[in-house]
Amino acid sequence: MGPVSQALSMGEFGRDRGVTGEERQGSGEAAAEERAAPFEVVFAEYAPAVWRMVRSLGVHESDLEDVCQEVFIVVHRRLPGFEGRSALRTWIYGIALRVVADYRKKAHRKRERLYAEPPELADHGSPERHAAATQAFARLDRILAQLSEERRQVFVLYEIEQLPMSEIAEMVGCPLKTAYSRLEAAREIVLRKGRAVERS
């Protein structure tokens, strides 16, 4: 398996997932708890995921802190009005998507860097493995940069963030069938470009 394939495999690339029965059973209780959660708890739980997500969506390394801060400013302002109609995660990720979309409209950059270093692998393994992983994520960044914003959003949320497609469709504001179509188109491009990179 080549380095790009290894990077893609972190999200069980190409496998379909759904909401489990346990997730559905606990959703009512979880929603009640989430509505009552103070901002400090919400921030501590979701900040790492939001940081990783906005990196994956193409926010430049130098702007990560500002963009994440903007996401949680909005969360802090709107949290008292959160009614639990969707999962708190869905609600926060939806805010993050909108903030990143605004950022990308303003940031006139032709090239964006996805990862300074792989989040899960940064402090583990030998220096050789660390270097290989960093290169793999840099290659994945270049591939993701070639996707349209709509396809990149769905790919990142499904393959990297491991969210169920029903939540993703709600977040990006499109029918479920459209979300799956975007995912399949993105997968085709990522796999084709990944194979080309590994052959070069």
N, C-alpha and C. Protein backbone atom coordinates (compact mmCIF):
# COMPACT_ATOMS: atom_id res chain seq x y z
N MET A 1 0.86 -1.20 0.00
CA MET A 1 0.00 0.00 0.00
C MET A 1 0.88 1.24 0.00
N GLY A 2 0.60 2.18 -0.91
CA GLY A 2 1.40 3.39 -1.00
C GLY A 2 1.03 4.39 0.08
N PRO A 3 1.81 5.48 0.23
CA PRO A 3 1.56 6.43 1.30
C PRO A 3 0.23 7.15 1.18
N VAL A 4 -0.21 7.46 -0.05
CA VAL A 4 -1.50 8.12 -0.20
C VAL A 4 -2.62 7.16 0.19
N SER A 5 -2.49 5.90 -0.23
CA SER A 5 -3.50 4.91 0.16
C SER A 5 -3.56 4.77 1.68
N GLN A 6 -2.41 4.82 2.34
CA GLN A 6 -2.39 4.74 3.80
C GLN A 6 -3.12 5.91 4.42
N ALA A 7 -2.92 7.10 3.87
CA ALA A 7 -3.61 8.27 4.39
C ALA A 7 -5.12 8.13 4.20
N LEU A 8 -5.53 7.63 3.03
CA LEU A 8 -6.95 7.47 2.76
C LEU A 8 -7.58 6.41 3.66
N SER A 9 -6.81 5.39 4.00
CA SER A 9 -7.37 4.27 4.74
C SER A 9 -7.74 4.65 6.16
N MET A 10 -7.29 5.81 6.64
CA MET A 10 -7.61 6.19 8.01
C MET A 10 -9.10 6.38 8.20
N GLY A 11 -9.83 6.66 7.12
CA GLY A 11 -11.27 6.84 7.22
C GLY A 11 -12.05 5.66 6.71
N GLU A 12 -11.46 4.45 6.66
CA GLU A 12 -12.11 3.28 6.09
C GLU A 12 -12.69 3.65 4.73
N PHE A 13 -11.85 4.26 3.93
CA PHE A 13 -12.28 4.84 2.66
C PHE A 13 -13.04 3.84 1.81
N GLY A 14 -14.20 4.29 1.32
CA GLY A 14 -14.98 3.49 0.41
C GLY A 14 -16.03 2.62 1.08
N ARG A 15 -16.08 2.61 2.41
CA ARG A 15 -17.08 1.79 3.09
C ARG A 15 -18.25 2.65 3.52
N ASP A 16 -19.45 2.15 3.35
CA ASP A 16 -20.64 2.89 3.74
C ASP A 16 -20.96 2.63 5.21
N ARG A 17 -21.42 3.68 5.88
CA ARG A 17 -21.78 3.56 7.28
C ARG A 17 -23.13 4.19 7.48
N GLY A 18 -23.73 3.89 8.60
CA GLY A 18 -25.01 4.49 8.95
C GLY A 18 -25.09 4.70 10.45
N VAL A 19 -26.21 5.20 10.92
CA VAL A 19 -26.41 5.39 12.35
C VAL A 19 -26.81 4.04 12.95
N THR A 20 -26.16 3.65 14.01
CA THR A 20 -26.44 2.36 14.64
C THR A 20 -27.69 2.44 15.48
N GLY A 21 -28.22 1.26 15.83
CA GLY A 21 -29.40 1.22 16.68
C GLY A 21 -29.14 1.85 18.03
N GLU A 22 -27.95 1.60 18.59
CA GLU A 22 -27.60 2.19 19.88
C GLU A 22 -27.58 3.70 19.80
N GLU A 23 -27.04 4.22 18.68
CA GLU A 23 -27.01 5.67 18.52
C GLU A 23 -28.41 6.24 18.47
N ARG A 24 -29.31 5.56 17.75
CA ARG A 24 -30.69 6.04 17.65
C ARG A 24 -31.39 5.97 19.00
N GLN A 25 -31.15 4.88 19.78
CA GLN A 25 -31.79 4.71 21.06
C GLN A 25 -31.41 5.82 22.03
N GLY A 26 -30.12 6.15 22.03
CA GLY A 26 -29.64 7.13 22.99
C GLY A 26 -29.77 8.56 22.54
N SER A 27 -30.31 8.79 21.35
CA SER A 27 -30.31 10.14 20.79
C SER A 27 -31.17 11.10 21.60
N GLY A 28 -32.32 10.61 22.14
CA GLY A 28 -33.20 11.50 22.91
C GLY A 28 -32.54 11.97 24.18
N GLU A 29 -31.96 11.02 24.94
CA GLU A 29 -31.27 11.39 26.17
C GLU A 29 -30.08 12.28 25.88
N ALA A 30 -29.34 11.94 24.83
CA ALA A 30 -28.15 12.73 24.48
C ALA A 30 -28.55 14.15 24.13
N ALA A 31 -29.65 14.32 23.39
CA ALA A 31 -30.09 15.66 22.99
C ALA A 31 -30.42 16.50 24.21
N ALA A 32 -31.08 15.90 25.20
CA ALA A 32 -31.42 16.64 26.42
C ALA A 32 -30.16 17.07 27.15
N GLU A 33 -29.17 16.17 27.24
CA GLU A 33 -27.92 16.52 27.90
C GLU A 33 -27.19 17.61 27.15
N GLU A 34 -27.19 17.53 25.82
CA GLU A 34 -26.47 18.51 25.02
C GLU A 34 -27.08 19.89 25.16
N ARG A 35 -28.41 19.97 25.26
CA ARG A 35 -29.06 21.28 25.40
C ARG A 35 -28.65 21.95 26.71
N ALA A 36 -28.35 21.13 27.73
CA ALA A 36 -28.00 21.68 29.04
C ALA A 36 -26.51 21.89 29.22
N ALA A 37 -25.71 21.47 28.25
CA ALA A 37 -24.26 21.53 28.42
C ALA A 37 -23.77 22.98 28.39
N PRO A 38 -22.92 23.38 29.35
CA PRO A 38 -22.35 24.73 29.32
C PRO A 38 -21.32 24.85 28.20
N PHE A 39 -21.05 26.07 27.81
CA PHE A 39 -20.14 26.30 26.68
C PHE A 39 -18.77 25.69 26.92
N GLU A 40 -18.25 25.79 28.13
CA GLU A 40 -16.91 25.27 28.42
C GLU A 40 -16.82 23.78 28.12
N VAL A 41 -17.89 23.04 28.45
CA VAL A 41 -17.91 21.60 28.20
C VAL A 41 -17.98 21.34 26.70
N VAL A 42 -18.83 22.10 26.01
CA VAL A 42 -18.97 21.95 24.56
C VAL A 42 -17.65 22.25 23.87
N PHE A 43 -16.99 23.31 24.29
CA PHE A 43 -15.72 23.68 23.67
C PHE A 43 -14.67 22.58 23.88
N ALA A 44 -14.56 22.09 25.11
CA ALA A 44 -13.56 21.07 25.41
C ALA A 44 -13.79 19.81 24.59
N GLU A 45 -15.05 19.45 24.38
CA GLU A 45 -15.36 18.21 23.67
C GLU A 45 -15.17 18.34 22.16
N TYR A 46 -15.52 19.50 21.58
CA TYR A 46 -15.58 19.61 20.13
C TYR A 46 -14.44 20.40 19.49
N ALA A 47 -13.67 21.13 20.28
CA ALA A 47 -12.60 21.94 19.69
C ALA A 47 -11.60 21.12 18.88
N PRO A 48 -11.12 19.97 19.38
CA PRO A 48 -10.16 19.21 18.56
C PRO A 48 -10.74 18.76 17.22
N ALA A 49 -12.00 18.32 17.24
CA ALA A 49 -12.63 17.86 16.00
C ALA A 49 -12.84 19.01 15.02
N VAL A 50 -13.24 20.17 15.54
CA VAL A 50 -13.43 21.33 14.67
C VAL A 50 -12.10 21.76 14.07
N TRP A 51 -11.05 21.75 14.88
CA TRP A 51 -9.71 22.11 14.39
C TRP A 51 -9.30 21.20 13.24
N ARG A 52 -9.47 19.88 13.44
CA ARG A 52 -9.12 18.91 12.40
C ARG A 52 -9.98 19.10 11.15
N MET A 53 -11.25 19.36 11.37
CA MET A 53 -12.17 19.50 10.25
C MET A 53 -11.82 20.71 9.39
N VAL A 54 -11.58 21.86 10.02
CA VAL A 54 -11.31 23.05 9.22
C VAL A 54 -9.97 22.93 8.49
N ARG A 55 -9.01 22.20 9.09
CA ARG A 55 -7.76 21.92 8.37
C ARG A 55 -8.06 21.09 7.13
N SER A 56 -8.88 20.07 7.29
CA SER A 56 -9.20 19.18 6.19
C SER A 56 -9.95 19.88 5.07
N LEU A 57 -10.68 20.93 5.42
CA LEU A 57 -11.45 21.67 4.42
C LEU A 57 -10.63 22.75 3.73
N GLY A 58 -9.33 22.86 4.06
CA GLY A 58 -8.46 23.73 3.30
C GLY A 58 -8.12 25.06 3.93
N VAL A 59 -8.42 25.23 5.22
CA VAL A 59 -8.03 26.49 5.87
C VAL A 59 -6.51 26.51 6.02
N HIS A 60 -5.91 27.61 5.62
CA HIS A 60 -4.46 27.74 5.67
C HIS A 60 -3.97 27.64 7.11
N GLU A 61 -2.82 27.00 7.26
CA GLU A 61 -2.26 26.74 8.59
C GLU A 61 -2.20 28.01 9.44
N SER A 62 -1.81 29.12 8.84
CA SER A 62 -1.65 30.36 9.60
C SER A 62 -2.98 30.95 10.05
N ASP A 63 -4.09 30.48 9.45
CA ASP A 63 -5.41 31.02 9.79
C ASP A 63 -6.24 30.08 10.66
N LEU A 64 -5.69 28.92 10.99
CA LEU A 64 -6.48 27.91 11.71
C LEU A 64 -7.03 28.45 13.03
N GLU A 65 -6.17 29.08 13.81
CA GLU A 65 -6.61 29.55 15.13
C GLU A 65 -7.73 30.57 15.00
N ASP A 66 -7.59 31.50 14.07
CA ASP A 66 -8.61 32.53 13.90
C ASP A 66 -9.94 31.94 13.44
N VAL A 67 -9.87 30.99 12.49
CA VAL A 67 -11.10 30.39 11.97
C VAL A 67 -11.80 29.57 13.05
N CYS A 68 -11.03 28.79 13.81
CA CYS A 68 -11.63 28.00 14.89
C CYS A 68 -12.23 28.91 15.96
N GLN A 69 -11.53 29.99 16.25
CA GLN A 69 -12.05 30.93 17.23
C GLN A 69 -13.37 31.53 16.74
N GLU A 70 -13.44 31.85 15.46
CA GLU A 70 -14.68 32.40 14.91
C GLU A 70 -15.82 31.40 15.01
N VAL A 71 -15.52 30.11 14.75
CA VAL A 71 -16.55 29.07 14.88
C VAL A 71 -17.12 29.07 16.29
N PHE A 72 -16.25 29.11 17.29
CA PHE A 72 -16.73 28.99 18.67
C PHE A 72 -17.29 30.29 19.21
N ILE A 73 -16.96 31.42 18.61
CA ILE A 73 -17.66 32.66 18.95
C ILE A 73 -19.13 32.53 18.56
N VAL A 74 -19.36 31.98 17.36
CA VAL A 74 -20.75 31.78 16.90
C VAL A 74 -21.45 30.76 17.80
N VAL A 75 -20.75 29.66 18.11
CA VAL A 75 -21.33 28.63 18.99
C VAL A 75 -21.70 29.24 20.33
N HIS A 76 -20.81 30.03 20.91
CA HIS A 76 -21.06 30.65 22.23
C HIS A 76 -22.27 31.56 22.17
N ARG A 77 -22.38 32.32 21.10
CA ARG A 77 -23.49 33.26 20.97
C ARG A 77 -24.83 32.55 20.80
N ARG A 78 -24.82 31.45 20.06
CA ARG A 78 -26.08 30.78 19.72
C ARG A 78 -26.42 29.60 20.62
N LEU A 79 -25.50 29.15 21.45
CA LEU A 79 -25.74 27.96 22.26
C LEU A 79 -26.96 28.08 23.17
N PRO A 80 -27.22 29.24 23.79
CA PRO A 80 -28.42 29.32 24.64
C PRO A 80 -29.72 29.06 23.87
N GLY A 81 -29.70 29.29 22.57
CA GLY A 81 -30.90 29.06 21.77
C GLY A 81 -30.95 27.71 21.09
N PHE A 82 -29.95 26.86 21.35
CA PHE A 82 -29.92 25.53 20.74
C PHE A 82 -31.05 24.69 21.30
N GLU A 83 -31.91 24.20 20.43
CA GLU A 83 -33.12 23.49 20.86
C GLU A 83 -33.02 21.99 20.74
N GLY A 84 -31.91 21.47 20.23
CA GLY A 84 -31.75 20.03 20.15
C GLY A 84 -32.53 19.38 19.02
N ARG A 85 -32.91 20.16 18.01
CA ARG A 85 -33.62 19.56 16.87
C ARG A 85 -32.70 18.66 16.05
N SER A 86 -31.41 18.94 16.11
CA SER A 86 -30.39 18.06 15.52
C SER A 86 -29.38 17.75 16.60
N ALA A 87 -28.48 16.81 16.33
CA ALA A 87 -27.41 16.53 17.28
C ALA A 87 -26.53 17.76 17.42
N LEU A 88 -25.99 17.96 18.61
CA LEU A 88 -25.12 19.11 18.84
C LEU A 88 -23.94 19.09 17.87
N ARG A 89 -23.39 17.89 17.62
CA ARG A 89 -22.28 17.76 16.67
C ARG A 89 -22.67 18.27 15.29
N THR A 90 -23.85 17.89 14.84
CA THR A 90 -24.33 18.34 13.52
C THR A 90 -24.44 19.85 13.49
N TRP A 91 -24.97 20.42 14.55
CA TRP A 91 -25.17 21.86 14.64
C TRP A 91 -23.83 22.59 14.61
N ILE A 92 -22.85 22.11 15.40
CA ILE A 92 -21.54 22.76 15.45
C ILE A 92 -20.81 22.62 14.12
N TYR A 93 -20.84 21.42 13.53
CA TYR A 93 -20.17 21.22 12.25
C TYR A 93 -20.82 22.06 11.16
N GLY A 94 -22.13 22.25 11.24
CA GLY A 94 -22.80 23.12 10.27
C GLY A 94 -22.30 24.55 10.37
N ILE A 95 -22.12 25.03 11.60
CA ILE A 95 -21.55 26.36 11.80
C ILE A 95 -20.14 26.42 11.23
N ALA A 96 -19.34 25.39 11.51
CA ALA A 96 -17.97 25.35 11.00
C ALA A 96 -17.94 25.37 9.48
N LEU A 97 -18.85 24.65 8.84
CA LEU A 97 -18.90 24.64 7.37
C LEU A 97 -19.16 26.04 6.83
N ARG A 98 -20.09 26.75 7.46
CA ARG A 98 -20.40 28.11 6.98
C ARG A 98 -19.25 29.07 7.20
N VAL A 99 -18.58 28.95 8.35
CA VAL A 99 -17.42 29.83 8.63
C VAL A 99 -16.30 29.55 7.64
N VAL A 100 -16.04 28.27 7.36
CA VAL A 100 -14.99 27.92 6.40
C VAL A 100 -15.35 28.39 5.01
N ALA A 101 -16.62 28.26 4.62
CA ALA A 101 -17.05 28.72 3.30
C ALA A 101 -16.82 30.22 3.16
N ASP A 102 -17.13 30.99 4.21
CA ASP A 102 -16.88 32.43 4.18
C ASP A 102 -15.39 32.72 4.09
N TYR A 103 -14.61 31.95 4.84
CA TYR A 103 -13.15 32.12 4.80
C TYR A 103 -12.61 31.89 3.40
N ARG A 104 -13.08 30.81 2.77
CA ARG A 104 -12.55 30.46 1.45
C ARG A 104 -12.94 31.49 0.39
N LYS A 105 -14.05 32.15 0.58
CA LYS A 105 -14.44 33.21 -0.35
C LYS A 105 -13.51 34.41 -0.22
N LYS A 106 -13.05 34.65 1.01
CA LYS A 106 -12.21 35.82 1.26
C LYS A 106 -10.74 35.52 1.01
N ALA A 107 -10.34 34.27 1.18
CA ALA A 107 -8.91 33.92 1.09
C ALA A 107 -8.55 33.61 -0.35
N HIS A 108 -7.92 34.52 -1.03
CA HIS A 108 -7.57 34.34 -2.43
C HIS A 108 -6.21 33.65 -2.51
N ARG A 109 -6.25 32.35 -2.20
CA ARG A 109 -5.02 31.56 -2.25
C ARG A 109 -5.17 30.47 -3.28
N LYS A 110 -4.16 30.30 -4.09
CA LYS A 110 -4.21 29.24 -5.10
C LYS A 110 -3.82 27.88 -4.52
N ARG A 111 -2.99 27.92 -3.47
CA ARG A 111 -2.56 26.66 -2.86
C ARG A 111 -2.77 26.77 -1.36
N GLU A 112 -3.38 25.73 -0.78
CA GLU A 112 -3.62 25.69 0.65
C GLU A 112 -3.02 24.41 1.20
N ARG A 113 -2.52 24.48 2.41
CA ARG A 113 -1.91 23.31 3.03
C ARG A 113 -2.88 22.69 4.01
N LEU A 114 -3.07 21.39 3.91
CA LEU A 114 -4.04 20.70 4.75
C LEU A 114 -3.49 20.41 6.14
N TYR A 115 -2.34 19.76 6.24
CA TYR A 115 -1.82 19.33 7.53
C TYR A 115 -0.39 19.80 7.72
N ALA A 116 -0.14 20.44 8.86
CA ALA A 116 1.23 20.68 9.26
C ALA A 116 1.86 19.35 9.62
N GLU A 117 1.10 18.50 10.30
CA GLU A 117 1.51 17.13 10.58
C GLU A 117 0.25 16.34 10.86
N PRO A 118 0.22 15.06 10.57
CA PRO A 118 -0.99 14.28 10.77
C PRO A 118 -1.42 14.29 12.23
N PRO A 119 -2.68 14.65 12.54
CA PRO A 119 -3.10 14.80 13.93
C PRO A 119 -2.90 13.55 14.76
N GLU A 120 -3.29 12.37 14.25
CA GLU A 120 -3.21 11.17 15.06
C GLU A 120 -1.80 10.59 15.11
N LEU A 121 -0.95 10.94 14.14
CA LEU A 121 0.35 10.29 14.03
C LEU A 121 1.51 11.20 14.42
N ALA A 122 1.24 12.42 14.81
CA ALA A 122 2.30 13.40 14.98
C ALA A 122 3.33 13.00 16.03
N ASP A 123 2.88 12.36 17.12
CA ASP A 123 3.80 12.07 18.21
C ASP A 123 4.08 10.58 18.39
N HIS A 124 3.83 9.78 17.34
CA HIS A 124 3.96 8.35 17.48
C HIS A 124 4.85 7.77 16.39
N GLY A 125 5.56 6.68 16.75
CA GLY A 125 6.34 5.96 15.76
C GLY A 125 7.72 6.55 15.57
N SER A 126 8.45 5.91 14.67
CA SER A 126 9.81 6.32 14.40
C SER A 126 9.84 7.60 13.56
N PRO A 127 10.98 8.29 13.52
CA PRO A 127 11.08 9.47 12.66
C PRO A 127 10.79 9.16 11.20
N GLU A 128 11.18 7.96 10.76
CA GLU A 128 10.92 7.58 9.36
C GLU A 128 9.43 7.46 9.09
N ARG A 129 8.71 6.81 10.03
CA ARG A 129 7.26 6.67 9.86
C ARG A 129 6.57 8.02 9.94
N HIS A 130 7.06 8.88 10.84
CA HIS A 130 6.50 10.21 10.97
C HIS A 130 6.67 10.99 9.66
N ALA A 131 7.86 10.91 9.07
CA ALA A 131 8.13 11.62 7.81
C ALA A 131 7.26 11.08 6.69
N ALA A 132 7.10 9.76 6.64
CA ALA A 132 6.27 9.15 5.60
C ALA A 132 4.82 9.57 5.75
N ALA A 133 4.34 9.60 7.00
CA ALA A 133 2.95 9.99 7.23
C ALA A 133 2.72 11.45 6.85
N THR A 134 3.67 12.31 7.21
CA THR A 134 3.56 13.72 6.87
C THR A 134 3.50 13.92 5.36
N GLN A 135 4.34 13.19 4.63
CA GLN A 135 4.33 13.28 3.17
C GLN A 135 3.01 12.78 2.60
N ALA A 136 2.46 11.70 3.19
CA ALA A 136 1.20 11.16 2.70
C ALA A 136 0.07 12.16 2.87
N PHE A 137 0.04 12.84 4.02
CA PHE A 137 -1.01 13.83 4.23
C PHE A 137 -0.83 15.05 3.33
N ALA A 138 0.40 15.42 3.04
CA ALA A 138 0.65 16.52 2.13
C ALA A 138 0.15 16.18 0.72
N ARG A 139 0.36 14.91 0.31
CA ARG A 139 -0.14 14.48 -0.99
C ARG A 139 -1.66 14.46 -1.01
N LEU A 140 -2.25 13.98 0.09
CA LEU A 140 -3.71 13.98 0.18
C LEU A 140 -4.26 15.39 0.11
N ASP A 141 -3.57 16.33 0.74
CA ASP A 141 -3.97 17.73 0.68
C ASP A 141 -4.04 18.21 -0.76
N ARG A 142 -3.01 17.90 -1.54
CA ARG A 142 -2.98 18.36 -2.93
C ARG A 142 -4.12 17.75 -3.73
N ILE A 143 -4.47 16.50 -3.42
CA ILE A 143 -5.58 15.85 -4.11
C ILE A 143 -6.91 16.49 -3.71
N LEU A 144 -7.12 16.69 -2.40
CA LEU A 144 -8.37 17.29 -1.94
C LEU A 144 -8.56 18.69 -2.49
N ALA A 145 -7.46 19.41 -2.69
CA ALA A 145 -7.55 20.77 -3.22
C ALA A 145 -8.13 20.80 -4.63
N GLN A 146 -8.13 19.66 -5.32
CA GLN A 146 -8.65 19.60 -6.68
C GLN A 146 -10.16 19.31 -6.72
N LEU A 147 -10.76 19.05 -5.55
CA LEU A 147 -12.20 18.80 -5.48
C LEU A 147 -12.95 20.13 -5.39
N SER A 148 -14.17 20.14 -5.90
CA SER A 148 -15.03 21.30 -5.68
C SER A 148 -15.33 21.39 -4.19
N GLU A 149 -15.75 22.56 -3.74
CA GLU A 149 -16.03 22.74 -2.32
C GLU A 149 -17.12 21.79 -1.85
N GLU A 150 -18.17 21.59 -2.68
CA GLU A 150 -19.27 20.72 -2.29
C GLU A 150 -18.81 19.28 -2.12
N ARG A 151 -17.99 18.80 -3.05
CA ARG A 151 -17.50 17.42 -2.96
C ARG A 151 -16.51 17.26 -1.82
N ARG A 152 -15.68 18.26 -1.63
CA ARG A 152 -14.68 18.19 -0.56
C ARG A 152 -15.36 18.13 0.80
N GLN A 153 -16.40 18.93 0.99
CA GLN A 153 -17.12 18.92 2.26
C GLN A 153 -17.64 17.53 2.59
N VAL A 154 -18.33 16.92 1.62
CA VAL A 154 -18.93 15.60 1.86
C VAL A 154 -17.84 14.56 2.09
N PHE A 155 -16.77 14.61 1.30
CA PHE A 155 -15.69 13.64 1.44
C PHE A 155 -15.04 13.74 2.81
N VAL A 156 -14.71 14.96 3.22
CA VAL A 156 -14.05 15.16 4.51
C VAL A 156 -14.95 14.71 5.66
N LEU A 157 -16.21 15.10 5.62
CA LEU A 157 -17.11 14.77 6.71
C LEU A 157 -17.37 13.26 6.80
N TYR A 158 -17.42 12.60 5.66
CA TYR A 158 -17.72 11.17 5.66
C TYR A 158 -16.48 10.32 5.86
N GLU A 159 -15.44 10.57 5.08
CA GLU A 159 -14.27 9.71 5.09
C GLU A 159 -13.29 10.03 6.23
N ILE A 160 -13.19 11.29 6.60
CA ILE A 160 -12.23 11.68 7.64
C ILE A 160 -12.91 11.84 9.00
N GLU A 161 -14.04 12.55 9.01
CA GLU A 161 -14.73 12.76 10.28
C GLU A 161 -15.65 11.61 10.66
N GLN A 162 -15.92 10.68 9.72
CA GLN A 162 -16.68 9.47 10.00
C GLN A 162 -18.13 9.75 10.42
N LEU A 163 -18.73 10.79 9.85
CA LEU A 163 -20.12 11.10 10.17
C LEU A 163 -21.07 10.30 9.30
N PRO A 164 -22.26 9.98 9.81
CA PRO A 164 -23.25 9.31 8.96
C PRO A 164 -23.75 10.25 7.87
N MET A 165 -24.09 9.70 6.73
CA MET A 165 -24.46 10.54 5.59
C MET A 165 -25.73 11.34 5.84
N SER A 166 -26.63 10.83 6.67
CA SER A 166 -27.85 11.58 6.98
C SER A 166 -27.50 12.91 7.65
N GLU A 167 -26.52 12.90 8.56
CA GLU A 167 -26.09 14.14 9.22
C GLU A 167 -25.41 15.07 8.23
N ILE A 168 -24.59 14.49 7.35
CA ILE A 168 -23.86 15.31 6.39
C ILE A 168 -24.81 16.03 5.45
N ALA A 169 -25.81 15.31 4.95
CA ALA A 169 -26.79 15.94 4.06
C ALA A 169 -27.49 17.10 4.74
N GLU A 170 -27.79 16.91 6.03
CA GLU A 170 -28.43 17.99 6.79
C GLU A 170 -27.49 19.18 6.92
N MET A 171 -26.22 18.90 7.20
CA MET A 171 -25.24 19.98 7.39
C MET A 171 -25.03 20.80 6.13
N VAL A 172 -24.87 20.11 5.00
CA VAL A 172 -24.54 20.83 3.77
C VAL A 172 -25.79 21.31 3.04
N GLY A 173 -26.97 20.89 3.52
CA GLY A 173 -28.22 21.40 2.97
C GLY A 173 -28.57 20.85 1.61
N CYS A 174 -28.43 19.54 1.45
CA CYS A 174 -28.79 18.92 0.17
C CYS A 174 -29.51 17.60 0.44
N PRO A 175 -30.25 17.06 -0.55
CA PRO A 175 -30.88 15.75 -0.37
C PRO A 175 -29.85 14.66 -0.15
N LEU A 176 -30.25 13.61 0.53
CA LEU A 176 -29.35 12.50 0.83
C LEU A 176 -28.75 11.91 -0.44
N LYS A 177 -29.57 11.75 -1.47
CA LYS A 177 -29.09 11.19 -2.73
C LYS A 177 -28.00 12.06 -3.34
N THR A 178 -28.16 13.38 -3.25
CA THR A 178 -27.16 14.30 -3.78
C THR A 178 -25.85 14.19 -3.01
N ALA A 179 -25.96 14.05 -1.69
CA ALA A 179 -24.75 13.91 -0.86
C ALA A 179 -23.98 12.65 -1.26
N TYR A 180 -24.70 11.54 -1.48
CA TYR A 180 -24.03 10.31 -1.90
C TYR A 180 -23.40 10.48 -3.28
N SER A 181 -24.06 11.21 -4.16
CA SER A 181 -23.49 11.44 -5.50
C SER A 181 -22.20 12.24 -5.40
N ARG A 182 -22.19 13.24 -4.54
CA ARG A 182 -20.98 14.04 -4.35
C ARG A 182 -19.85 13.19 -3.77
N LEU A 183 -20.20 12.31 -2.84
CA LEU A 183 -19.19 11.44 -2.25
C LEU A 183 -18.59 10.52 -3.30
N GLU A 184 -19.42 9.90 -4.11
CA GLU A 184 -18.92 8.97 -5.12
C GLU A 184 -18.03 9.69 -6.13
N ALA A 185 -18.43 10.90 -6.53
CA ALA A 185 -17.61 11.67 -7.47
C ALA A 185 -16.27 12.03 -6.83
N ALA A 186 -16.30 12.41 -5.56
CA ALA A 186 -15.06 12.76 -4.87
C ALA A 186 -14.16 11.54 -4.71
N ARG A 187 -14.75 10.40 -4.36
CA ARG A 187 -13.97 9.18 -4.21
C ARG A 187 -13.24 8.82 -5.51
N GLU A 188 -13.97 8.95 -6.61
CA GLU A 188 -13.38 8.60 -7.91
C GLU A 188 -12.16 9.47 -8.20
N ILE A 189 -12.31 10.77 -7.94
CA ILE A 189 -11.21 11.70 -8.20
C ILE A 189 -10.04 11.41 -7.27
N VAL A 190 -10.33 11.22 -5.98
CA VAL A 190 -9.26 11.01 -4.99
C VAL A 190 -8.50 9.72 -5.29
N LEU A 191 -9.22 8.66 -5.62
CA LEU A 191 -8.55 7.40 -5.92
C LEU A 191 -7.72 7.49 -7.19
N ARG A 192 -8.28 8.14 -8.22
CA ARG A 192 -7.55 8.26 -9.48
C ARG A 192 -6.30 9.10 -9.30
N LYS A 193 -6.43 10.23 -8.63
CA LYS A 193 -5.28 11.10 -8.41
C LYS A 193 -4.26 10.42 -7.48
N GLY A 194 -4.77 9.68 -6.48
CA GLY A 194 -3.87 9.00 -5.56
C GLY A 194 -3.03 7.95 -6.26
N ARG A 195 -3.66 7.17 -7.15
CA ARG A 195 -2.90 6.18 -7.91
C ARG A 195 -1.86 6.85 -8.79
N ALA A 196 -2.23 7.98 -9.40
CA ALA A 196 -1.28 8.69 -10.27
C ALA A 196 -0.09 9.18 -9.48
N VAL A 197 -0.34 9.68 -8.25
CA VAL A 197 0.75 10.17 -7.41
C VAL A 197 1.68 9.02 -7.04
N GLU A 198 1.10 7.87 -6.68
CA GLU A 198 1.92 6.74 -6.25
C GLU A 198 2.74 6.15 -7.40
N ARG A 199 2.25 6.29 -8.64
CA ARG A 199 3.00 5.78 -9.79
C ARG A 199 4.14 6.71 -10.16
N SER A 200 4.00 7.99 -9.79
CA SER A 200 5.02 8.98 -10.21
C SER A 200 6.26 8.90 -9.34
